[in-house]
PDB file of N, CA and C in Angstrom:
ATOM      1  N   MET A   1    -135.076  -3.173 -22.940  1.00  0.00           N
ATOM      2  CA  MET A   1    -133.721  -2.640 -22.990  1.00  0.00           C
ATOM      3  C   MET A   1    -132.810  -3.471 -22.098  1.00  0.00           C
ATOM      4  N   THR A   2    -131.684  -3.878 -22.630  1.00  0.00           N
ATOM      5  CA  THR A   2    -130.738  -4.642 -21.837  1.00  0.00           C
ATOM      6  C   THR A   2    -129.785  -3.694 -21.150  1.00  0.00           C
ATOM      7  N   THR A   3    -129.071  -4.211 -20.156  1.00  0.00           N
ATOM      8  CA  THR A   3    -128.109  -3.376 -19.453  1.00  0.00           C
ATOM      9  C   THR A   3    -126.723  -3.485 -20.058  1.00  0.00           C
ATOM     10  N   THR A   4    -126.556  -4.194 -21.167  1.00  0.00           N
ATOM     11  CA  THR A   4    -125.242  -4.304 -21.778  1.00  0.00           C
ATOM     12  C   THR A   4    -125.101  -3.451 -23.018  1.00  0.00           C
ATOM     13  N   LYS A   5    -126.166  -2.801 -23.456  1.00  0.00           N
ATOM     14  CA  LYS A   5    -126.088  -1.925 -24.613  1.00  0.00           C
ATOM     15  C   LYS A   5    -126.726  -0.592 -24.259  1.00  0.00           C
ATOM     16  N   SER A   6    -126.280   0.422 -24.953  1.00  0.00           N
ATOM     17  CA  SER A   6    -126.831   1.742 -24.713  1.00  0.00           C
ATOM     18  C   SER A   6    -126.979   2.459 -26.038  1.00  0.00           C
ATOM     19  N   ILE A   7    -127.831   3.456 -26.061  1.00  0.00           N
ATOM     20  CA  ILE A   7    -128.010   4.211 -27.284  1.00  0.00           C
ATOM     21  C   ILE A   7    -126.867   5.200 -27.490  1.00  0.00           C
ATOM     22  N   ASN A   8    -126.044   5.402 -26.498  1.00  0.00           N
ATOM     23  CA  ASN A   8    -124.907   6.294 -26.693  1.00  0.00           C
ATOM     24  C   ASN A   8    -123.663   5.487 -27.055  1.00  0.00           C
ATOM     25  N   LYS A   9    -122.499   6.106 -26.985  1.00  0.00           N
ATOM     26  CA  LYS A   9    -121.281   5.451 -27.446  1.00  0.00           C
ATOM     27  C   LYS A   9    -120.621   4.550 -26.405  1.00  0.00           C
ATOM     28  N   TYR A  10    -121.300   4.210 -25.342  1.00  0.00           N
ATOM     29  CA  TYR A  10    -120.731   3.358 -24.304  1.00  0.00           C
ATOM     30  C   TYR A  10    -121.491   2.031 -24.219  1.00  0.00           C
ATOM     31  N   PRO A  11    -121.200   1.089 -25.113  1.00  0.00           N
ATOM     32  CA  PRO A  11    -121.925  -0.190 -25.087  1.00  0.00           C
ATOM     33  C   PRO A  11    -121.330  -1.166 -24.069  1.00  0.00           C
ATOM     34  N   VAL A  12    -121.201  -0.727 -22.832  1.00  0.00           N
ATOM     35  CA  VAL A  12    -120.633  -1.567 -21.782  1.00  0.00           C
ATOM     36  C   VAL A  12    -121.647  -1.715 -20.659  1.00  0.00           C
ATOM     37  N   PRO A  13    -121.560  -2.801 -19.922  1.00  0.00           N
ATOM     38  CA  PRO A  13    -122.476  -2.960 -18.785  1.00  0.00           C
ATOM     39  C   PRO A  13    -122.174  -1.923 -17.704  1.00  0.00           C
ATOM     40  N   PHE A  14    -123.119  -1.759 -16.821  1.00  0.00           N
ATOM     41  CA  PHE A  14    -123.007  -0.762 -15.753  1.00  0.00           C
ATOM     42  C   PHE A  14    -121.710  -0.917 -14.971  1.00  0.00           C
ATOM     43  N   GLU A  15    -121.413  -2.143 -14.564  1.00  0.00           N
ATOM     44  CA  GLU A  15    -120.225  -2.371 -13.732  1.00  0.00           C
ATOM     45  C   GLU A  15    -118.935  -1.962 -14.448  1.00  0.00           C
ATOM     46  N   GLY A  16    -118.859  -2.248 -15.738  1.00  0.00           N
ATOM     47  CA  GLY A  16    -117.676  -1.865 -16.504  1.00  0.00           C
ATOM     48  C   GLY A  16    -117.551  -0.363 -16.640  1.00  0.00           C
ATOM     49  N   ALA A  17    -118.661   0.302 -16.883  1.00  0.00           N
ATOM     50  CA  ALA A  17    -118.658   1.755 -17.011  1.00  0.00           C
ATOM     51  C   ALA A  17    -118.287   2.411 -15.683  1.00  0.00           C
ATOM     52  N   LEU A  18    -118.823   1.886 -14.598  1.00  0.00           N
ATOM     53  CA  LEU A  18    -118.521   2.443 -13.278  1.00  0.00           C
ATOM     54  C   LEU A  18    -117.045   2.258 -12.937  1.00  0.00           C
ATOM     55  N   GLU A  19    -116.500   1.103 -13.261  1.00  0.00           N
ATOM     56  CA  GLU A  19    -115.077   0.844 -13.004  1.00  0.00           C
ATOM     57  C   GLU A  19    -114.201   1.814 -13.804  1.00  0.00           C
ATOM     58  N   LYS A  20    -114.544   2.021 -15.066  1.00  0.00           N
ATOM     59  CA  LYS A  20    -113.791   2.959 -15.907  1.00  0.00           C
ATOM     60  C   LYS A  20    -113.914   4.379 -15.357  1.00  0.00           C
ATOM     61  N   LEU A  21    -115.099   4.743 -14.913  1.00  0.00           N
ATOM     62  CA  LEU A  21    -115.315   6.067 -14.332  1.00  0.00           C
ATOM     63  C   LEU A  21    -114.468   6.256 -13.077  1.00  0.00           C
ATOM     64  N   GLU A  22    -114.423   5.251 -12.225  1.00  0.00           N
ATOM     65  CA  GLU A  22    -113.611   5.329 -11.005  1.00  0.00           C
ATOM     66  C   GLU A  22    -112.126   5.470 -11.335  1.00  0.00           C
ATOM     67  N   THR A  23    -111.672   4.781 -12.385  1.00  0.00           N
ATOM     68  CA  THR A  23    -110.275   4.892 -12.816  1.00  0.00           C
ATOM     69  C   THR A  23    -109.973   6.307 -13.290  1.00  0.00           C
ATOM     70  N   LEU A  24    -110.886   6.887 -14.070  1.00  0.00           N
ATOM     71  CA  LEU A  24    -110.695   8.256 -14.546  1.00  0.00           C
ATOM     72  C   LEU A  24    -110.636   9.240 -13.383  1.00  0.00           C
ATOM     73  N   VAL A  25    -111.509   9.046 -12.403  1.00  0.00           N
ATOM     74  CA  VAL A  25    -111.524   9.942 -11.234  1.00  0.00           C
ATOM     75  C   VAL A  25    -110.191   9.856 -10.488  1.00  0.00           C
ATOM     76  N   ARG A  26    -109.677   8.645 -10.302  1.00  0.00           N
ATOM     77  CA  ARG A  26    -108.382   8.494  -9.615  1.00  0.00           C
ATOM     78  C   ARG A  26    -107.276   9.208 -10.384  1.00  0.00           C
ATOM     79  N   LYS A  27    -107.278   9.077 -11.716  1.00  0.00           N
ATOM     80  CA  LYS A  27    -106.259   9.753 -12.531  1.00  0.00           C
ATOM     81  C   LYS A  27    -106.361  11.264 -12.392  1.00  0.00           C
ATOM     82  N   LEU A  28    -107.587  11.767 -12.407  1.00  0.00           N
ATOM     83  CA  LEU A  28    -107.774  13.210 -12.258  1.00  0.00           C
ATOM     84  C   LEU A  28    -107.348  13.689 -10.872  1.00  0.00           C
ATOM     85  N   GLU A  29    -107.679  12.933  -9.855  1.00  0.00           N
ATOM     86  CA  GLU A  29    -107.326  13.310  -8.485  1.00  0.00           C
ATOM     87  C   GLU A  29    -105.822  13.254  -8.254  1.00  0.00           C
ATOM     88  N   ASN A  30    -105.149  12.361  -8.975  1.00  0.00           N
ATOM     89  CA  ASN A  30    -103.708  12.211  -8.820  1.00  0.00           C
ATOM     90  C   ASN A  30    -102.965  13.468  -9.247  1.00  0.00           C
ATOM     91  N   GLY A  31    -103.499  14.170 -10.246  1.00  0.00           N
ATOM     92  CA  GLY A  31    -102.912  15.433 -10.665  1.00  0.00           C
ATOM     93  C   GLY A  31    -101.735  15.327 -11.612  1.00  0.00           C
ATOM     94  N   ASP A  32    -101.466  14.150 -12.142  1.00  0.00           N
ATOM     95  CA  ASP A  32    -100.316  13.969 -13.031  1.00  0.00           C
ATOM     96  C   ASP A  32    -100.654  14.150 -14.508  1.00  0.00           C
ATOM     97  N   LEU A  33    -101.904  14.407 -14.846  1.00  0.00           N
ATOM     98  CA  LEU A  33    -102.309  14.567 -16.234  1.00  0.00           C
ATOM     99  C   LEU A  33    -102.076  15.998 -16.702  1.00  0.00           C
ATOM    100  N   THR A  34    -101.809  16.146 -17.983  1.00  0.00           N
ATOM    101  CA  THR A  34    -101.725  17.488 -18.550  1.00  0.00           C
ATOM    102  C   THR A  34    -103.133  18.070 -18.598  1.00  0.00           C
ATOM    103  N   LEU A  35    -103.205  19.348 -18.904  1.00  0.00           N
ATOM    104  CA  LEU A  35    -104.517  19.988 -18.998  1.00  0.00           C
ATOM    105  C   LEU A  35    -105.354  19.317 -20.083  1.00  0.00           C
ATOM    106  N   ASP A  36    -104.750  19.051 -21.239  1.00  0.00           N
ATOM    107  CA  ASP A  36    -105.470  18.407 -22.336  1.00  0.00           C
ATOM    108  C   ASP A  36    -105.935  16.997 -21.939  1.00  0.00           C
ATOM    109  N   GLU A  37    -105.070  16.243 -21.291  1.00  0.00           N
ATOM    110  CA  GLU A  37    -105.436  14.896 -20.838  1.00  0.00           C
ATOM    111  C   GLU A  37    -106.547  14.958 -19.790  1.00  0.00           C
ATOM    112  N   SER A  38    -106.469  15.950 -18.921  1.00  0.00           N
ATOM    113  CA  SER A  38    -107.502  16.116 -17.897  1.00  0.00           C
ATOM    114  C   SER A  38    -108.855  16.433 -18.516  1.00  0.00           C
ATOM    115  N   LEU A  39    -108.857  17.311 -19.516  1.00  0.00           N
ATOM    116  CA  LEU A  39    -110.112  17.654 -20.182  1.00  0.00           C
ATOM    117  C   LEU A  39    -110.702  16.449 -20.907  1.00  0.00           C
ATOM    118  N   LYS A  40    -109.866  15.671 -21.558  1.00  0.00           N
ATOM    119  CA  LYS A  40    -110.338  14.469 -22.243  1.00  0.00           C
ATOM    120  C   LYS A  40    -110.888  13.466 -21.235  1.00  0.00           C
ATOM    121  N   ALA A  41    -110.191  13.287 -20.116  1.00  0.00           N
ATOM    122  CA  ALA A  41    -110.656  12.364 -19.085  1.00  0.00           C
ATOM    123  C   ALA A  41    -111.981  12.847 -18.488  1.00  0.00           C
ATOM    124  N   PHE A  42    -112.084  14.145 -18.253  1.00  0.00           N
ATOM    125  CA  PHE A  42    -113.317  14.720 -17.714  1.00  0.00           C
ATOM    126  C   PHE A  42    -114.474  14.505 -18.677  1.00  0.00           C
ATOM    127  N   GLU A  43    -114.230  14.764 -19.972  1.00  0.00           N
ATOM    128  CA  GLU A  43    -115.265  14.577 -20.986  1.00  0.00           C
ATOM    129  C   GLU A  43    -115.716  13.115 -21.045  1.00  0.00           C
ATOM    130  N   GLU A  44    -114.772  12.207 -21.017  1.00  0.00           N
ATOM    131  CA  GLU A  44    -115.134  10.781 -21.023  1.00  0.00           C
ATOM    132  C   GLU A  44    -115.896  10.421 -19.755  1.00  0.00           C
ATOM    133  N   GLY A  45    -115.465  10.975 -18.630  1.00  0.00           N
ATOM    134  CA  GLY A  45    -116.136  10.708 -17.363  1.00  0.00           C
ATOM    135  C   GLY A  45    -117.579  11.176 -17.361  1.00  0.00           C
ATOM    136  N   ILE A  46    -117.835  12.338 -17.952  1.00  0.00           N
ATOM    137  CA  ILE A  46    -119.206  12.841 -18.044  1.00  0.00           C
ATOM    138  C   ILE A  46    -120.055  11.874 -18.871  1.00  0.00           C
ATOM    139  N   GLY A  47    -119.508  11.412 -19.983  1.00  0.00           N
ATOM    140  CA  GLY A  47    -120.233  10.453 -20.826  1.00  0.00           C
ATOM    141  C   GLY A  47    -120.522   9.155 -20.094  1.00  0.00           C
ATOM    142  N   LEU A  48    -119.528   8.665 -19.365  1.00  0.00           N
ATOM    143  CA  LEU A  48    -119.722   7.426 -18.598  1.00  0.00           C
ATOM    144  C   LEU A  48    -120.742   7.619 -17.482  1.00  0.00           C
ATOM    145  N   ALA A  49    -120.707   8.761 -16.821  1.00  0.00           N
ATOM    146  CA  ALA A  49    -121.672   9.034 -15.757  1.00  0.00           C
ATOM    147  C   ALA A  49    -123.092   9.069 -16.313  1.00  0.00           C
ATOM    148  N   ARG A  50    -123.254   9.685 -17.468  1.00  0.00           N
ATOM    149  CA  ARG A  50    -124.579   9.734 -18.102  1.00  0.00           C
ATOM    150  C   ARG A  50    -125.026   8.331 -18.534  1.00  0.00           C
ATOM    151  N   HIS A  51    -124.095   7.552 -19.036  1.00  0.00           N
ATOM    152  CA  HIS A  51    -124.397   6.174 -19.422  1.00  0.00           C
ATOM    153  C   HIS A  51    -124.868   5.378 -18.201  1.00  0.00           C
ATOM    154  N   CYS A  52    -124.145   5.499 -17.088  1.00  0.00           N
ATOM    155  CA  CYS A  52    -124.528   4.803 -15.854  1.00  0.00           C
ATOM    156  C   CYS A  52    -125.905   5.251 -15.387  1.00  0.00           C
ATOM    157  N   GLU A  53    -126.163   6.546 -15.471  1.00  0.00           N
ATOM    158  CA  GLU A  53    -127.466   7.062 -15.061  1.00  0.00           C
ATOM    159  C   GLU A  53    -128.591   6.477 -15.915  1.00  0.00           C
ATOM    160  N   LYS A  54    -128.380   6.373 -17.224  1.00  0.00           N
ATOM    161  CA  LYS A  54    -129.383   5.783 -18.112  1.00  0.00           C
ATOM    162  C   LYS A  54    -129.641   4.323 -17.748  1.00  0.00           C
ATOM    163  N   LEU A  55    -128.571   3.594 -17.476  1.00  0.00           N
ATOM    164  CA  LEU A  55    -128.729   2.186 -17.114  1.00  0.00           C
ATOM    165  C   LEU A  55    -129.458   2.036 -15.783  1.00  0.00           C
ATOM    166  N   LEU A  56    -129.132   2.886 -14.823  1.00  0.00           N
ATOM    167  CA  LEU A  56    -129.812   2.837 -13.526  1.00  0.00           C
ATOM    168  C   LEU A  56    -131.289   3.184 -13.659  1.00  0.00           C
ATOM    169  N   ASN A  57    -131.593   4.186 -14.466  1.00  0.00           N
ATOM    170  CA  ASN A  57    -132.990   4.564 -14.679  1.00  0.00           C
ATOM    171  C   ASN A  57    -133.761   3.445 -15.364  1.00  0.00           C
ATOM    172  N   ALA A  58    -133.120   2.768 -16.323  1.00  0.00           N
ATOM    173  CA  ALA A  58    -133.770   1.644 -17.004  1.00  0.00           C
ATOM    174  C   ALA A  58    -134.026   0.500 -16.026  1.00  0.00           C
ATOM    175  N   ALA A  59    -133.062   0.228 -15.160  1.00  0.00           N
ATOM    176  CA  ALA A  59    -133.231  -0.831 -14.163  1.00  0.00           C
ATOM    177  C   ALA A  59    -134.336  -0.466 -13.174  1.00  0.00           C
ATOM    178  N   LYS A  60    -134.364   0.791 -12.758  1.00  0.00           N
ATOM    179  CA  LYS A  60    -135.402   1.253 -11.833  1.00  0.00           C
ATOM    180  C   LYS A  60    -136.783   1.071 -12.457  1.00  0.00           C
ATOM    181  N   GLY A  61    -136.915   1.457 -13.730  1.00  0.00           N
ATOM    182  CA  GLY A  61    -138.193   1.301 -14.420  1.00  0.00           C
ATOM    183  C   GLY A  61    -138.617  -0.151 -14.508  1.00  0.00           C
ATOM    184  N   LYS A  62    -137.667  -1.026 -14.761  1.00  0.00           N
ATOM    185  CA  LYS A  62    -137.975  -2.452 -14.855  1.00  0.00           C
ATOM    186  C   LYS A  62    -138.437  -3.001 -13.499  1.00  0.00           C
ATOM    187  N   VAL A  63    -137.748  -2.601 -12.438  1.00  0.00           N
ATOM    188  CA  VAL A  63    -138.128  -3.045 -11.098  1.00  0.00           C
ATOM    189  C   VAL A  63    -139.523  -2.542 -10.750  1.00  0.00           C
ATOM    190  N   GLU A  64    -139.801  -1.287 -11.073  1.00  0.00           N
ATOM    191  CA  GLU A  64    -141.125  -0.730 -10.789  1.00  0.00           C
ATOM    192  C   GLU A  64    -142.216  -1.503 -11.525  1.00  0.00           C
ATOM    193  N   LYS A  65    -141.972  -1.849 -12.784  1.00  0.00           N
ATOM    194  CA  LYS A  65    -142.945  -2.622 -13.548  1.00  0.00           C
ATOM    195  C   LYS A  65    -143.160  -4.002 -12.942  1.00  0.00           C
ATOM    196  N   LEU A  66    -142.071  -4.635 -12.529  1.00  0.00           N
ATOM    197  CA  LEU A  66    -142.193  -5.968 -11.929  1.00  0.00           C
ATOM    198  C   LEU A  66    -142.968  -5.921 -10.627  1.00  0.00           C
ATOM    199  N   VAL A  67    -142.711  -4.923  -9.802  1.00  0.00           N
ATOM    200  CA  VAL A  67    -143.410  -4.796  -8.523  1.00  0.00           C
ATOM    201  C   VAL A  67    -144.886  -4.502  -8.763  1.00  0.00           C
ATOM    202  N   GLN A  68    -145.185  -3.648  -9.733  1.00  0.00           N
ATOM    203  CA  GLN A  68    -146.579  -3.317 -10.035  1.00  0.00           C
ATOM    204  C   GLN A  68    -147.331  -4.548 -10.511  1.00  0.00           C
ATOM    205  N   LYS A  69    -146.692  -5.385 -11.304  1.00  0.00           N
ATOM    206  CA  LYS A  69    -147.336  -6.602 -11.787  1.00  0.00           C
ATOM    207  C   LYS A  69    -147.674  -7.536 -10.630  1.00  0.00           C
ATOM    208  N   GLU A  70    -146.800  -7.584  -9.651  1.00  0.00           N
ATOM    209  CA  GLU A  70    -146.977  -8.508  -8.535  1.00  0.00           C
ATOM    210  C   GLU A  70    -147.990  -8.012  -7.506  1.00  0.00           C
ATOM    211  N   GLY A  71    -147.890  -6.751  -7.132  1.00  0.00           N
ATOM    212  CA  GLY A  71    -148.713  -6.297  -6.026  1.00  0.00           C
ATOM    213  C   GLY A  71    -149.648  -5.155  -6.311  1.00  0.00           C
ATOM    214  N   GLY A  72    -149.705  -4.710  -7.509  1.00  0.00           N
ATOM    215  CA  GLY A  72    -150.606  -3.602  -7.821  1.00  0.00           C
ATOM    216  C   GLY A  72    -149.939  -2.272  -7.655  1.00  0.00           C
ATOM    217  N   LYS A  73    -150.244  -1.553  -6.591  1.00  0.00           N
ATOM    218  CA  LYS A  73    -149.746  -0.216  -6.374  1.00  0.00           C
ATOM    219  C   LYS A  73    -148.258  -0.236  -6.009  1.00  0.00           C
ATOM    220  N   PHE A  74    -147.537   0.739  -6.525  1.00  0.00           N
ATOM    221  CA  PHE A  74    -146.117   0.825  -6.254  1.00  0.00           C
ATOM    222  C   PHE A  74    -145.804   2.208  -5.719  1.00  0.00           C
ATOM    223  N   GLU A  75    -145.127   2.256  -4.578  1.00  0.00           N
ATOM    224  CA  GLU A  75    -144.733   3.532  -3.993  1.00  0.00           C
ATOM    225  C   GLU A  75    -143.224   3.570  -3.888  1.00  0.00           C
ATOM    226  N   THR A  76    -142.645   4.679  -4.273  1.00  0.00           N
ATOM    227  CA  THR A  76    -141.194   4.825  -4.166  1.00  0.00           C
ATOM    228  C   THR A  76    -140.872   5.719  -2.967  1.00  0.00           C
ATOM    229  N   GLU A  77    -139.692   5.502  -2.443  1.00  0.00           N
ATOM    230  CA  GLU A  77    -139.172   6.316  -1.347  1.00  0.00           C
ATOM    231  C   GLU A  77    -137.803   6.816  -1.744  1.00  0.00           C
ATOM    232  N   PRO A  78    -137.428   8.009  -1.352  1.00  0.00           N
ATOM    233  CA  PRO A  78    -136.090   8.501  -1.664  1.00  0.00           C
ATOM    234  C   PRO A  78    -135.035   7.625  -1.014  1.00  0.00           C
ATOM    235  N   LEU A  79    -133.908   7.484  -1.689  1.00  0.00           N
ATOM    236  CA  LEU A  79    -132.815   6.685  -1.125  1.00  0.00           C
ATOM    237  C   LEU A  79    -132.123   7.475  -0.094  1.00  0.00           C
TER     238      LEU A  79
END
């Protein structure tokens, strides 16, 4: 799995999705959006957050596989 495509409707790399998510958050925090615009922004933000989470999980899995190949046992620690 590459980090530039996703199975959902956000075929953007992680950095692009995160930047768009940050822009949506700033717009929502600003308070100048109508209720309808806020709901649409929130809905898009949820989708982008889920997309970012999928990409991060895929990257984590890839790193774990690479480490296991190199050194055998792999232990994770909470961030």
